[in-house]
Amino acid sequence: HIPAYYLIDSAKGETPEHALKENLVRITSKVRKL
């Protein structure tokens, strides 16, 4: 109803790309659940 950004989680990595590659499945699952 009100578009917004939500802090979902943190991800560890050497770079943002590495952090996403290592954590995208978990983050996607968390978004689905929330």
PDB file of all heavy atoms in Angstrom:
ATOM      1  N   HIS A   1       0.832  -1.215   0.000  1.00  0.00           N
ATOM      2  CA  HIS A   1       0.000   0.000   0.000  1.00  0.00           C
ATOM      3  C   HIS A   1       0.857   1.252   0.000  1.00  0.00           C
ATOM      4  O   HIS A   1       0.530   2.241  -0.650  1.00  0.00           O
ATOM      5  CB  HIS A   1      -0.945   0.003   1.205  1.00  0.00           C
ATOM      6  CG  HIS A   1      -1.941  -1.112   1.182  1.00  0.00           C
ATOM      7  ND1 HIS A   1      -2.869  -1.259   0.172  1.00  0.00           N
ATOM      8  CD2 HIS A   1      -2.135  -2.146   2.025  1.00  0.00           C
ATOM      9  CE1 HIS A   1      -3.597  -2.332   0.402  1.00  0.00           C
ATOM     10  NE2 HIS A   1      -3.173  -2.904   1.523  1.00  0.00           N
ATOM     11  N   ILE A   2       1.943   1.192   0.741  1.00  0.00           N
ATOM     12  CA  ILE A   2       2.902   2.294   0.764  1.00  0.00           C
ATOM     13  C   ILE A   2       4.256   1.712   0.361  1.00  0.00           C
ATOM     14  O   ILE A   2       4.900   1.022   1.153  1.00  0.00           O
ATOM     15  CB  ILE A   2       2.993   2.929   2.167  1.00  0.00           C
ATOM     16  CG1 ILE A   2       1.626   3.468   2.592  1.00  0.00           C
ATOM     17  CG2 ILE A   2       4.052   4.019   2.187  1.00  0.00           C
ATOM     18  CD1 ILE A   2       1.570   3.973   4.011  1.00  0.00           C
ATOM     19  N   PRO A   3       4.681   1.940  -0.877  1.00  0.00           N
ATOM     20  CA  PRO A   3       5.968   1.392  -1.312  1.00  0.00           C
ATOM     21  C   PRO A   3       7.101   1.860  -0.404  1.00  0.00           C
ATOM     22  O   PRO A   3       7.152   3.021  -0.012  1.00  0.00           O
ATOM     23  CB  PRO A   3       6.130   1.950  -2.730  1.00  0.00           C
ATOM     24  CG  PRO A   3       4.732   2.249  -3.176  1.00  0.00           C
ATOM     25  CD  PRO A   3       4.006   2.674  -1.936  1.00  0.00           C
ATOM     26  N   ALA A   4       7.981   0.906  -0.041  1.00  0.00           N
ATOM     27  CA  ALA A   4       9.069   1.245   0.874  1.00  0.00           C
ATOM     28  C   ALA A   4      10.207   0.237   0.735  1.00  0.00           C
ATOM     29  O   ALA A   4      10.014  -0.866   0.241  1.00  0.00           O
ATOM     30  CB  ALA A   4       8.550   1.231   2.314  1.00  0.00           C
ATOM     31  N   TYR A   5      11.389   0.656   1.197  1.00  0.00           N
ATOM     32  CA  TYR A   5      12.539  -0.238   1.301  1.00  0.00           C
ATOM     33  C   TYR A   5      12.546  -0.839   2.700  1.00  0.00           C
ATOM     34  O   TYR A   5      12.327  -0.133   3.685  1.00  0.00           O
ATOM     35  CB  TYR A   5      13.853   0.527   1.099  1.00  0.00           C
ATOM     36  CG  TYR A   5      14.086   0.959  -0.316  1.00  0.00           C
ATOM     37  CD1 TYR A   5      13.678   2.214  -0.752  1.00  0.00           C
ATOM     38  CD2 TYR A   5      14.715   0.116  -1.227  1.00  0.00           C
ATOM     39  CE1 TYR A   5      13.895   2.615  -2.054  1.00  0.00           C
ATOM     40  CE2 TYR A   5      14.936   0.518  -2.533  1.00  0.00           C
ATOM     41  CZ  TYR A   5      14.522   1.768  -2.941  1.00  0.00           C
ATOM     42  OH  TYR A   5      14.731   2.170  -4.225  1.00  0.00           O
ATOM     43  N   TYR A   6      12.806  -2.140   2.785  1.00  0.00           N
ATOM     44  CA  TYR A   6      12.871  -2.835   4.062  1.00  0.00           C
ATOM     45  C   TYR A   6      14.240  -3.477   4.223  1.00  0.00           C
ATOM     46  O   TYR A   6      14.727  -4.121   3.300  1.00  0.00           O
ATOM     47  CB  TYR A   6      11.805  -3.932   4.140  1.00  0.00           C
ATOM     48  CG  TYR A   6      10.409  -3.382   4.146  1.00  0.00           C
ATOM     49  CD1 TYR A   6       9.721  -3.176   2.955  1.00  0.00           C
ATOM     50  CD2 TYR A   6       9.778  -3.052   5.341  1.00  0.00           C
ATOM     51  CE1 TYR A   6       8.434  -2.663   2.963  1.00  0.00           C
ATOM     52  CE2 TYR A   6       8.500  -2.543   5.349  1.00  0.00           C
ATOM     53  CZ  TYR A   6       7.828  -2.341   4.158  1.00  0.00           C
ATOM     54  OH  TYR A   6       6.560  -1.828   4.163  1.00  0.00           O
ATOM     55  N   LEU A   7      14.825  -3.299   5.400  1.00  0.00           N
ATOM     56  CA  LEU A   7      16.082  -3.960   5.709  1.00  0.00           C
ATOM     57  C   LEU A   7      15.772  -5.430   5.964  1.00  0.00           C
ATOM     58  O   LEU A   7      15.016  -5.765   6.865  1.00  0.00           O
ATOM     59  CB  LEU A   7      16.730  -3.331   6.944  1.00  0.00           C
ATOM     60  CG  LEU A   7      18.029  -3.955   7.415  1.00  0.00           C
ATOM     61  CD1 LEU A   7      19.100  -3.861   6.335  1.00  0.00           C
ATOM     62  CD2 LEU A   7      18.493  -3.281   8.696  1.00  0.00           C
ATOM     63  N   ILE A   8      16.321  -6.307   5.141  1.00  0.00           N
ATOM     64  CA  ILE A   8      16.014  -7.729   5.213  1.00  0.00           C
ATOM     65  C   ILE A   8      17.049  -8.487   6.015  1.00  0.00           C
ATOM     66  O   ILE A   8      16.736  -9.307   6.862  1.00  0.00           O
ATOM     67  CB  ILE A   8      15.919  -8.341   3.792  1.00  0.00           C
ATOM     68  CG1 ILE A   8      14.778  -7.688   3.019  1.00  0.00           C
ATOM     69  CG2 ILE A   8      15.752  -9.841   3.839  1.00  0.00           C
ATOM     70  CD1 ILE A   8      13.415  -7.857   3.644  1.00  0.00           C
ATOM     71  N   ASP A   9      18.316  -8.222   5.743  1.00  0.00           N
ATOM     72  CA  ASP A   9      19.369  -9.007   6.361  1.00  0.00           C
ATOM     73  C   ASP A   9      20.709  -8.374   6.025  1.00  0.00           C
ATOM     74  O   ASP A   9      20.767  -7.360   5.336  1.00  0.00           O
ATOM     75  CB  ASP A   9      19.333 -10.440   5.817  1.00  0.00           C
ATOM     76  CG  ASP A   9      19.837 -11.468   6.804  1.00  0.00           C
ATOM     77  OD1 ASP A   9      20.595 -11.100   7.718  1.00  0.00           O
ATOM     78  OD2 ASP A   9      19.488 -12.643   6.650  1.00  0.00           O
ATOM     79  N   SER A  10      21.753  -9.002   6.493  1.00  0.00           N
ATOM     80  CA  SER A  10      23.101  -8.616   6.091  1.00  0.00           C
ATOM     81  C   SER A  10      23.732  -9.817   5.394  1.00  0.00           C
ATOM     82  O   SER A  10      23.286 -10.950   5.565  1.00  0.00           O
ATOM     83  CB  SER A  10      23.933  -8.193   7.302  1.00  0.00           C
ATOM     84  OG  SER A  10      24.026  -9.245   8.223  1.00  0.00           O
ATOM     85  N   ALA A  11      24.744  -9.527   4.594  1.00  0.00           N
ATOM     86  CA  ALA A  11      25.431 -10.588   3.854  1.00  0.00           C
ATOM     87  C   ALA A  11      26.924 -10.310   3.891  1.00  0.00           C
ATOM     88  O   ALA A  11      27.353  -9.181   3.658  1.00  0.00           O
ATOM     89  CB  ALA A  11      24.919 -10.635   2.420  1.00  0.00           C
ATOM     90  N   LYS A  12      27.704 -11.344   4.178  1.00  0.00           N
ATOM     91  CA  LYS A  12      29.160 -11.214   4.220  1.00  0.00           C
ATOM     92  C   LYS A  12      29.756 -11.569   2.873  1.00  0.00           C
ATOM     93  O   LYS A  12      29.319 -12.513   2.220  1.00  0.00           O
ATOM     94  CB  LYS A  12      29.747 -12.148   5.276  1.00  0.00           C
ATOM     95  CG  LYS A  12      29.458 -11.762   6.688  1.00  0.00           C
ATOM     96  CD  LYS A  12      30.144 -12.715   7.643  1.00  0.00           C
ATOM     97  CE  LYS A  12      29.809 -12.382   9.074  1.00  0.00           C
ATOM     98  NZ  LYS A  12      30.460 -13.308  10.005  1.00  0.00           N
ATOM     99  N   GLY A  13      30.785 -10.815   2.493  1.00  0.00           N
ATOM    100  CA  GLY A  13      31.491 -11.115   1.260  1.00  0.00           C
ATOM    101  C   GLY A  13      32.656 -10.178   1.054  1.00  0.00           C
ATOM    102  O   GLY A  13      32.744  -9.129   1.686  1.00  0.00           O
ATOM    103  N   GLU A  14      33.538 -10.565   0.160  1.00  0.00           N
ATOM    104  CA  GLU A  14      34.674  -9.720  -0.188  1.00  0.00           C
ATOM    105  C   GLU A  14      34.202  -8.481  -0.950  1.00  0.00           C
ATOM    106  O   GLU A  14      34.776  -7.407  -0.819  1.00  0.00           O
ATOM    107  CB  GLU A  14      35.682 -10.496  -1.041  1.00  0.00           C
ATOM    108  CG  GLU A  14      36.305 -11.689  -0.331  1.00  0.00           C
ATOM    109  CD  GLU A  14      37.142 -11.292   0.869  1.00  0.00           C
ATOM    110  OE1 GLU A  14      37.745 -10.196   0.861  1.00  0.00           O
ATOM    111  OE2 GLU A  14      37.199 -12.087   1.823  1.00  0.00           O
ATOM    112  N   THR A  15      33.172  -8.659  -1.763  1.00  0.00           N
ATOM    113  CA  THR A  15      32.568  -7.584  -2.549  1.00  0.00           C
ATOM    114  C   THR A  15      31.056  -7.731  -2.452  1.00  0.00           C
ATOM    115  O   THR A  15      30.554  -8.792  -2.049  1.00  0.00           O
ATOM    116  CB  THR A  15      32.973  -7.690  -4.038  1.00  0.00           C
ATOM    117  OG1 THR A  15      32.423  -8.913  -4.564  1.00  0.00           O
ATOM    118  CG2 THR A  15      34.474  -7.671  -4.218  1.00  0.00           C
ATOM    119  N   PRO A  16      30.288  -6.713  -2.855  1.00  0.00           N
ATOM    120  CA  PRO A  16      28.828  -6.865  -2.863  1.00  0.00           C
ATOM    121  C   PRO A  16      28.380  -8.023  -3.753  1.00  0.00           C
ATOM    122  O   PRO A  16      27.453  -8.760  -3.414  1.00  0.00           O
ATOM    123  CB  PRO A  16      28.322  -5.531  -3.400  1.00  0.00           C
ATOM    124  CG  PRO A  16      29.401  -4.561  -3.086  1.00  0.00           C
ATOM    125  CD  PRO A  16      30.683  -5.350  -3.198  1.00  0.00           C
ATOM    126  N   GLU A  17      29.055  -8.194  -4.895  1.00  0.00           N
ATOM    127  CA  GLU A  17      28.716  -9.287  -5.808  1.00  0.00           C
ATOM    128  C   GLU A  17      28.906 -10.641  -5.131  1.00  0.00           C
ATOM    129  O   GLU A  17      28.051 -11.514  -5.224  1.00  0.00           O
ATOM    130  CB  GLU A  17      29.576  -9.218  -7.085  1.00  0.00           C
ATOM    131  CG  GLU A  17      29.330  -8.012  -7.946  1.00  0.00           C
ATOM    132  CD  GLU A  17      30.181  -6.801  -7.555  1.00  0.00           C
ATOM    133  OE1 GLU A  17      30.813  -6.790  -6.471  1.00  0.00           O
ATOM    134  OE2 GLU A  17      30.200  -5.840  -8.340  1.00  0.00           O
ATOM    135  N   HIS A  18      30.037 -10.805  -4.450  1.00  0.00           N
ATOM    136  CA  HIS A  18      30.331 -12.050  -3.745  1.00  0.00           C
ATOM    137  C   HIS A  18      29.305 -12.288  -2.640  1.00  0.00           C
ATOM    138  O   HIS A  18      28.812 -13.408  -2.471  1.00  0.00           O
ATOM    139  CB  HIS A  18      31.750 -11.989  -3.168  1.00  0.00           C
ATOM    140  CG  HIS A  18      32.131 -13.195  -2.397  1.00  0.00           C
ATOM    141  ND1 HIS A  18      32.193 -13.200  -1.021  1.00  0.00           N
ATOM    142  CD2 HIS A  18      32.434 -14.458  -2.795  1.00  0.00           C
ATOM    143  CE1 HIS A  18      32.529 -14.400  -0.601  1.00  0.00           C
ATOM    144  NE2 HIS A  18      32.686 -15.191  -1.657  1.00  0.00           N
ATOM    145  N   ALA A  19      28.975 -11.250  -1.890  1.00  0.00           N
ATOM    146  CA  ALA A  19      27.988 -11.380  -0.816  1.00  0.00           C
ATOM    147  C   ALA A  19      26.640 -11.832  -1.370  1.00  0.00           C
ATOM    148  O   ALA A  19      25.977 -12.694  -0.783  1.00  0.00           O
ATOM    149  CB  ALA A  19      27.846 -10.054  -0.079  1.00  0.00           C
ATOM    150  N   LEU A  20      26.236 -11.279  -2.507  1.00  0.00           N
ATOM    151  CA  LEU A  20      24.959 -11.683  -3.113  1.00  0.00           C
ATOM    152  C   LEU A  20      25.000 -13.119  -3.604  1.00  0.00           C
ATOM    153  O   LEU A  20      24.070 -13.889  -3.362  1.00  0.00           O
ATOM    154  CB  LEU A  20      24.600 -10.765  -4.276  1.00  0.00           C
ATOM    155  CG  LEU A  20      23.940  -9.457  -3.895  1.00  0.00           C
ATOM    156  CD1 LEU A  20      23.734  -8.602  -5.134  1.00  0.00           C
ATOM    157  CD2 LEU A  20      22.622  -9.697  -3.191  1.00  0.00           C
ATOM    158  N   LYS A  21      26.070 -13.480  -4.290  1.00  0.00           N
ATOM    159  CA  LYS A  21      26.172 -14.834  -4.818  1.00  0.00           C
ATOM    160  C   LYS A  21      26.102 -15.875  -3.707  1.00  0.00           C
ATOM    161  O   LYS A  21      25.490 -16.921  -3.861  1.00  0.00           O
ATOM    162  CB  LYS A  21      27.464 -15.002  -5.620  1.00  0.00           C
ATOM    163  CG  LYS A  21      27.423 -14.321  -6.949  1.00  0.00           C
ATOM    164  CD  LYS A  21      28.740 -14.463  -7.679  1.00  0.00           C
ATOM    165  CE  LYS A  21      28.737 -13.667  -8.962  1.00  0.00           C
ATOM    166  NZ  LYS A  21      30.025 -13.687  -9.639  1.00  0.00           N
ATOM    167  N   GLU A  22      26.732 -15.557  -2.571  1.00  0.00           N
ATOM    168  CA  GLU A  22      26.772 -16.499  -1.463  1.00  0.00           C
ATOM    169  C   GLU A  22      25.473 -16.537  -0.654  1.00  0.00           C
ATOM    170  O   GLU A  22      25.230 -17.501   0.065  1.00  0.00           O
ATOM    171  CB  GLU A  22      27.940 -16.154  -0.528  1.00  0.00           C
ATOM    172  CG  GLU A  22      29.292 -16.332  -1.162  1.00  0.00           C
ATOM    173  CD  GLU A  22      29.572 -17.767  -1.538  1.00  0.00           C
ATOM    174  OE1 GLU A  22      29.291 -18.669  -0.732  1.00  0.00           O
ATOM    175  OE2 GLU A  22      30.069 -17.990  -2.665  1.00  0.00           O
ATOM    176  N   ASN A  23      24.651 -15.503  -0.755  1.00  0.00           N
ATOM    177  CA  ASN A  23      23.494 -15.380   0.132  1.00  0.00           C
ATOM    178  C   ASN A  23      22.157 -15.162  -0.562  1.00  0.00           C
ATOM    179  O   ASN A  23      21.136 -15.032   0.116  1.00  0.00           O
ATOM    180  CB  ASN A  23      23.731 -14.214   1.107  1.00  0.00           C
ATOM    181  CG  ASN A  23      24.902 -14.458   2.014  1.00  0.00           C
ATOM    182  OD1 ASN A  23      24.800 -15.191   2.982  1.00  0.00           O
ATOM    183  ND2 ASN A  23      26.045 -13.861   1.687  1.00  0.00           N
ATOM    184  N   LEU A  24      22.129 -15.126  -1.888  1.00  0.00           N
ATOM    185  CA  LEU A  24      20.900 -14.773  -2.594  1.00  0.00           C
ATOM    186  C   LEU A  24      19.763 -15.761  -2.342  1.00  0.00           C
ATOM    187  O   LEU A  24      18.616 -15.352  -2.167  1.00  0.00           O
ATOM    188  CB  LEU A  24      21.156 -14.629  -4.093  1.00  0.00           C
ATOM    189  CG  LEU A  24      20.019 -14.001  -4.885  1.00  0.00           C
ATOM    190  CD1 LEU A  24      19.703 -12.596  -4.375  1.00  0.00           C
ATOM    191  CD2 LEU A  24      20.356 -13.959  -6.361  1.00  0.00           C
ATOM    192  N   VAL A  25      20.048 -17.042  -2.282  1.00  0.00           N
ATOM    193  CA  VAL A  25      18.992 -18.031  -2.038  1.00  0.00           C
ATOM    194  C   VAL A  25      18.373 -17.802  -0.659  1.00  0.00           C
ATOM    195  O   VAL A  25      17.142 -17.775  -0.509  1.00  0.00           O
ATOM    196  CB  VAL A  25      19.545 -19.464  -2.172  1.00  0.00           C
ATOM    197  CG1 VAL A  25      18.519 -20.481  -1.718  1.00  0.00           C
ATOM    198  CG2 VAL A  25      19.969 -19.740  -3.600  1.00  0.00           C
ATOM    199  N   ARG A  26      19.213 -17.608   0.336  1.00  0.00           N
ATOM    200  CA  ARG A  26      18.723 -17.363   1.702  1.00  0.00           C
ATOM    201  C   ARG A  26      17.926 -16.067   1.779  1.00  0.00           C
ATOM    202  O   ARG A  26      16.851 -16.011   2.386  1.00  0.00           O
ATOM    203  CB  ARG A  26      19.909 -17.303   2.670  1.00  0.00           C
ATOM    204  CG  ARG A  26      19.519 -17.004   4.102  1.00  0.00           C
ATOM    205  CD  ARG A  26      20.743 -16.977   5.015  1.00  0.00           C
ATOM    206  NE  ARG A  26      21.769 -16.024   4.627  1.00  0.00           N
ATOM    207  CZ  ARG A  26      21.713 -14.712   4.881  1.00  0.00           C
ATOM    208  NH1 ARG A  26      20.689 -14.197   5.524  1.00  0.00           N
ATOM    209  NH2 ARG A  26      22.710 -13.927   4.507  1.00  0.00           N
ATOM    210  N   ILE A  27      18.419 -15.022   1.142  1.00  0.00           N
ATOM    211  CA  ILE A  27      17.746 -13.722   1.160  1.00  0.00           C
ATOM    212  C   ILE A  27      16.401 -13.809   0.447  1.00  0.00           C
ATOM    213  O   ILE A  27      15.392 -13.295   0.929  1.00  0.00           O
ATOM    214  CB  ILE A  27      18.641 -12.640   0.539  1.00  0.00           C
ATOM    215  CG1 ILE A  27      19.845 -12.389   1.459  1.00  0.00           C
ATOM    216  CG2 ILE A  27      17.866 -11.357   0.292  1.00  0.00           C
ATOM    217  CD1 ILE A  27      20.961 -11.619   0.818  1.00  0.00           C
ATOM    218  N   THR A  28      16.376 -14.484  -0.699  1.00  0.00           N
ATOM    219  CA  THR A  28      15.125 -14.653  -1.446  1.00  0.00           C
ATOM    220  C   THR A  28      14.101 -15.402  -0.604  1.00  0.00           C
ATOM    221  O   THR A  28      12.925 -15.009  -0.546  1.00  0.00           O
ATOM    222  CB  THR A  28      15.384 -15.395  -2.771  1.00  0.00           C
ATOM    223  OG1 THR A  28      16.348 -14.661  -3.534  1.00  0.00           O
ATOM    224  CG2 THR A  28      14.114 -15.544  -3.580  1.00  0.00           C
ATOM    225  N   SER A  29      14.535 -16.446   0.059  1.00  0.00           N
ATOM    226  CA  SER A  29      13.650 -17.222   0.925  1.00  0.00           C
ATOM    227  C   SER A  29      13.107 -16.362   2.069  1.00  0.00           C
ATOM    228  O   SER A  29      11.914 -16.435   2.406  1.00  0.00           O
ATOM    229  CB  SER A  29      14.406 -18.427   1.472  1.00  0.00           C
ATOM    230  OG  SER A  29      13.617 -19.147   2.365  1.00  0.00           O
ATOM    231  N   LYS A  30      13.965 -15.547   2.632  1.00  0.00           N
ATOM    232  CA  LYS A  30      13.544 -14.679   3.734  1.00  0.00           C
ATOM    233  C   LYS A  30      12.523 -13.648   3.259  1.00  0.00           C
ATOM    234  O   LYS A  30      11.536 -13.378   3.946  1.00  0.00           O
ATOM    235  CB  LYS A  30      14.756 -13.990   4.353  1.00  0.00           C
ATOM    236  CG  LYS A  30      14.457 -13.291   5.640  1.00  0.00           C
ATOM    237  CD  LYS A  30      15.726 -12.934   6.377  1.00  0.00           C
ATOM    238  CE  LYS A  30      15.389 -12.346   7.739  1.00  0.00           C
ATOM    239  NZ  LYS A  30      16.615 -12.048   8.493  1.00  0.00           N
ATOM    240  N   VAL A  31      12.733 -13.075   2.071  1.00  0.00           N
ATOM    241  CA  VAL A  31      11.772 -12.122   1.507  1.00  0.00           C
ATOM    242  C   VAL A  31      10.427 -12.805   1.288  1.00  0.00           C
ATOM    243  O   VAL A  31       9.379 -12.261   1.639  1.00  0.00           O
ATOM    244  CB  VAL A  31      12.296 -11.505   0.187  1.00  0.00           C
ATOM    245  CG1 VAL A  31      11.202 -10.755  -0.553  1.00  0.00           C
ATOM    246  CG2 VAL A  31      13.478 -10.594   0.461  1.00  0.00           C
ATOM    247  N   ARG A  32      10.448 -14.011   0.726  1.00  0.00           N
ATOM    248  CA  ARG A  32       9.201 -14.759   0.507  1.00  0.00           C
ATOM    249  C   ARG A  32       8.431 -14.948   1.810  1.00  0.00           C
ATOM    250  O   ARG A  32       7.226 -14.747   1.869  1.00  0.00           O
ATOM    251  CB  ARG A  32       9.485 -16.128  -0.095  1.00  0.00           C
ATOM    252  CG  ARG A  32       9.733 -16.112  -1.552  1.00  0.00           C
ATOM    253  CD  ARG A  32       9.613 -17.508  -2.148  1.00  0.00           C
ATOM    254  NE  ARG A  32       9.991 -17.446  -3.525  1.00  0.00           N
ATOM    255  CZ  ARG A  32       9.225 -16.948  -4.489  1.00  0.00           C
ATOM    256  NH1 ARG A  32       8.041 -16.477  -4.205  1.00  0.00           N
ATOM    257  NH2 ARG A  32       9.647 -16.923  -5.730  1.00  0.00           N
ATOM    258  N   LYS A  33       9.166 -15.328   2.849  1.00  0.00           N
ATOM    259  CA  LYS A  33       8.526 -15.590   4.137  1.00  0.00           C
ATOM    260  C   LYS A  33       7.984 -14.300   4.762  1.00  0.00           C
ATOM    261  O   LYS A  33       6.839 -14.251   5.211  1.00  0.00           O
ATOM    262  CB  LYS A  33       9.528 -16.256   5.080  1.00  0.00           C
ATOM    263  CG  LYS A  33       8.956 -16.656   6.401  1.00  0.00           C
ATOM    264  CD  LYS A  33       9.979 -17.381   7.246  1.00  0.00           C
ATOM    265  CE  LYS A  33       9.400 -17.740   8.608  1.00  0.00           C
ATOM    266  NZ  LYS A  33      10.398 -18.393   9.440  1.00  0.00           N
ATOM    267  N   LEU A  34       8.800 -13.257   4.797  1.00  0.00           N
ATOM    268  CA  LEU A  34       8.392 -12.003   5.427  1.00  0.00           C
ATOM    269  C   LEU A  34       7.208 -11.331   4.734  1.00  0.00           C
ATOM    270  O   LEU A  34       6.364 -10.719   5.386  1.00  0.00           O
ATOM    271  CB  LEU A  34       9.570 -11.024   5.469  1.00  0.00           C
ATOM    272  CG  LEU A  34      10.694 -11.357   6.431  1.00  0.00           C
ATOM    273  CD1 LEU A  34      11.875 -10.415   6.212  1.00  0.00           C
ATOM    274  CD2 LEU A  34      10.205 -11.258   7.873  1.00  0.00           C
TER     275      LEU A  34
END
